[in-house]
Amino acid sequence: MCDIDHFKSINDRFGHAFGDKALIEIAEVLRQFSRAHGALVARHGGEEFAALMIGGREQAEHYAEGIRPACSSREIANGEASERVTISIGLTVSRGETERAKIMRIADQALYTAKRRGRDCVERADEHSLAAA
C-alpha cells in the first residue's frame, strides 16, 4: 500500500487540478513499475494505491525502496505551481494462502506506521504485528 504524503495540504495550497496532476504522475511511476516487474497496481481510493506481486520479502523491500525515490524525483507542475511529492509505503509478505482482505489490513497497518514515523519511508508488518495491534 502507498499513499501520497500530505495530499490534503497539496490540494489546499495548489488546488484540486494540481492534486489530480500529482495523482497522475504517481500513477505513472507505479504503472512503469508494474510493467517492469509484473506487479498488479491499482488506485485503492483517494490518494492511496495498492500493488500485488509475487516474490520474497527482500525483493518487496528492494522494490518499495526503489518506488519511493522514483516518486519523489518527479516534479509536479501545473501552471506556475511546481512541487515534488513523497509517498509512504506499507508492505507485507504473505506465505501460503491468506485472505486478500487480511493482507490489505496488514499492509495498511504498515502504511500508517510509516506515516507516524515521519512519512517518505517504507515500513513492513506481518500477521503477528496485526494480532498485537
Protein backbone atom coordinates (compact mmCIF):
# COMPACT_ATOMS: atom_id res chain seq x y z
CA MET A 1 0.00 0.00 0.00
CA CYS A 2 1.24 3.50 -0.69
CA ASP A 3 -0.17 6.90 -0.02
CA ILE A 4 0.83 10.39 -1.19
CA ASP A 5 2.12 12.31 1.82
CA HIS A 6 0.24 15.47 2.87
CA PHE A 7 -2.17 15.16 -0.05
CA LYS A 8 -4.87 17.28 1.58
CA SER A 9 -2.47 20.17 2.08
CA ILE A 10 -1.32 19.82 -1.55
CA ASN A 11 -4.94 20.24 -2.67
CA ASP A 12 -5.45 23.11 -0.21
CA ARG A 13 -2.31 25.00 -1.29
CA PHE A 14 -2.32 24.39 -5.05
CA GLY A 15 -5.89 23.39 -5.89
CA HIS A 16 -7.57 20.18 -6.94
CA ALA A 17 -6.28 20.35 -10.52
CA PHE A 18 -2.74 20.23 -9.13
CA GLY A 19 -3.72 17.36 -6.81
CA ASP A 20 -5.12 15.49 -9.81
CA LYS A 21 -1.84 16.06 -11.65
CA ALA A 22 0.07 14.65 -8.64
CA LEU A 23 -2.14 11.54 -8.71
CA ILE A 24 -1.47 11.10 -12.42
CA GLU A 25 2.30 11.46 -12.00
CA ILE A 26 2.47 8.98 -9.11
CA ALA A 27 0.21 6.58 -11.02
CA GLU A 28 2.61 6.80 -13.97
CA VAL A 29 5.57 5.82 -11.77
CA LEU A 30 3.56 2.86 -10.47
CA ARG A 31 2.43 1.91 -13.98
CA GLN A 32 6.06 1.82 -15.13
CA PHE A 33 6.94 -0.31 -12.09
CA SER A 34 4.05 -2.65 -12.88
CA ARG A 35 5.19 -3.15 -16.46
CA ALA A 36 8.82 -3.69 -15.50
CA HIS A 37 8.17 -6.13 -12.64
CA GLY A 38 4.89 -7.85 -13.43
CA ALA A 39 3.02 -6.37 -10.47
CA LEU A 40 -0.69 -5.65 -10.33
CA VAL A 41 -1.07 -2.00 -9.35
CA ALA A 42 -4.33 -0.12 -8.76
CA ARG A 43 -5.63 3.04 -7.20
CA HIS A 44 -7.16 1.96 -3.92
CA GLY A 45 -9.04 5.17 -3.20
CA GLY A 46 -8.29 8.83 -2.70
CA GLU A 47 -4.53 9.20 -2.82
CA GLU A 48 -3.84 5.57 -1.96
CA PHE A 49 -2.52 2.88 -4.31
CA ALA A 50 -2.04 -0.86 -3.85
CA ALA A 51 0.37 -3.26 -5.53
CA LEU A 52 0.33 -7.03 -5.52
CA MET A 53 3.26 -9.09 -6.71
CA ILE A 54 4.88 -12.47 -6.35
CA GLY A 55 8.27 -12.57 -4.65
CA GLY A 56 10.02 -12.57 -1.32
CA ARG A 57 10.47 -10.04 1.49
CA GLU A 58 13.86 -8.78 0.31
CA GLN A 59 12.56 -8.28 -3.21
CA ALA A 60 9.48 -6.42 -1.96
CA GLU A 61 11.57 -4.14 0.24
CA HIS A 62 14.00 -3.50 -2.61
CA TYR A 63 11.19 -2.58 -4.99
CA ALA A 64 9.46 -0.38 -2.42
CA GLU A 65 12.72 1.46 -1.73
CA GLY A 66 13.04 1.99 -5.50
CA ILE A 67 9.48 3.26 -5.98
CA ARG A 68 9.72 5.81 -3.17
CA PRO A 69 12.55 7.93 -4.66
CA ALA A 70 11.17 7.45 -8.19
CA CYS A 71 8.02 9.22 -6.99
CA SER A 72 9.79 12.00 -5.09
CA SER A 73 12.04 12.76 -8.06
CA ARG A 74 9.03 13.60 -10.27
CA GLU A 75 8.35 17.31 -10.42
CA ILE A 76 4.64 18.04 -10.50
CA ALA A 77 3.95 21.21 -12.47
CA ASN A 78 0.65 22.85 -13.22
CA GLY A 79 0.78 26.42 -14.45
CA GLU A 80 3.08 28.43 -12.18
CA ALA A 81 2.97 25.89 -9.34
CA SER A 82 5.67 23.26 -9.10
CA GLU A 83 6.24 20.76 -6.31
CA ARG A 84 7.75 17.37 -5.57
CA VAL A 85 5.64 14.92 -3.58
CA THR A 86 6.64 11.99 -1.44
CA ILE A 87 4.90 8.74 -0.69
CA SER A 88 4.78 6.44 2.30
CA ILE A 89 4.70 2.70 1.72
CA GLY A 90 3.46 -0.15 3.90
CA LEU A 91 4.17 -3.68 2.84
CA THR A 92 3.64 -7.22 3.94
CA VAL A 93 4.61 -10.61 2.64
CA SER A 94 2.15 -13.47 2.70
CA ARG A 95 3.20 -17.09 2.82
CA GLY A 96 0.67 -19.66 1.74
CA GLU A 97 -2.99 -18.88 1.41
CA THR A 98 -4.09 -15.69 3.10
CA GLU A 99 -7.28 -13.75 2.51
CA ARG A 100 -6.78 -10.66 0.38
CA ALA A 101 -8.63 -8.51 2.93
CA LYS A 102 -6.23 -9.62 5.66
CA ILE A 103 -3.19 -8.86 3.51
CA MET A 104 -4.60 -5.39 2.82
CA ARG A 105 -5.19 -4.73 6.54
CA ILE A 106 -1.63 -5.74 7.39
CA ALA A 107 -0.14 -3.59 4.62
CA ASP A 108 -2.40 -0.71 5.66
CA GLN A 109 -1.15 -1.02 9.25
CA ALA A 110 2.43 -0.82 7.96
CA LEU A 111 1.48 2.24 5.87
CA TYR A 112 0.16 4.07 8.93
CA THR A 113 3.31 3.15 10.83
CA ALA A 114 5.29 4.80 8.01
CA LYS A 115 3.10 7.91 8.34
CA ARG A 116 3.65 8.06 12.11
CA ARG A 117 7.41 7.66 11.66
CA GLY A 118 7.70 10.77 9.54
CA ARG A 119 6.46 9.82 6.06
CA ASP A 120 8.56 9.31 2.92
CA CYS A 121 9.61 5.86 4.11
CA VAL A 122 8.83 2.15 3.83
CA GLU A 123 7.56 0.05 6.73
CA ARG A 124 6.81 -3.66 6.86
CA ALA A 125 4.30 -5.51 9.00
CA ASP A 126 3.30 -9.15 9.30
CA GLU A 127 0.41 -11.16 10.72
CA HIS A 128 1.96 -11.10 14.21
CA SER A 129 2.08 -7.30 14.30
CA LEU A 130 -1.57 -7.16 13.23
CA ALA A 131 -2.53 -9.50 16.06
CA ALA A 132 -0.61 -7.32 18.55
CA ALA A 133 -2.40 -4.14 17.45
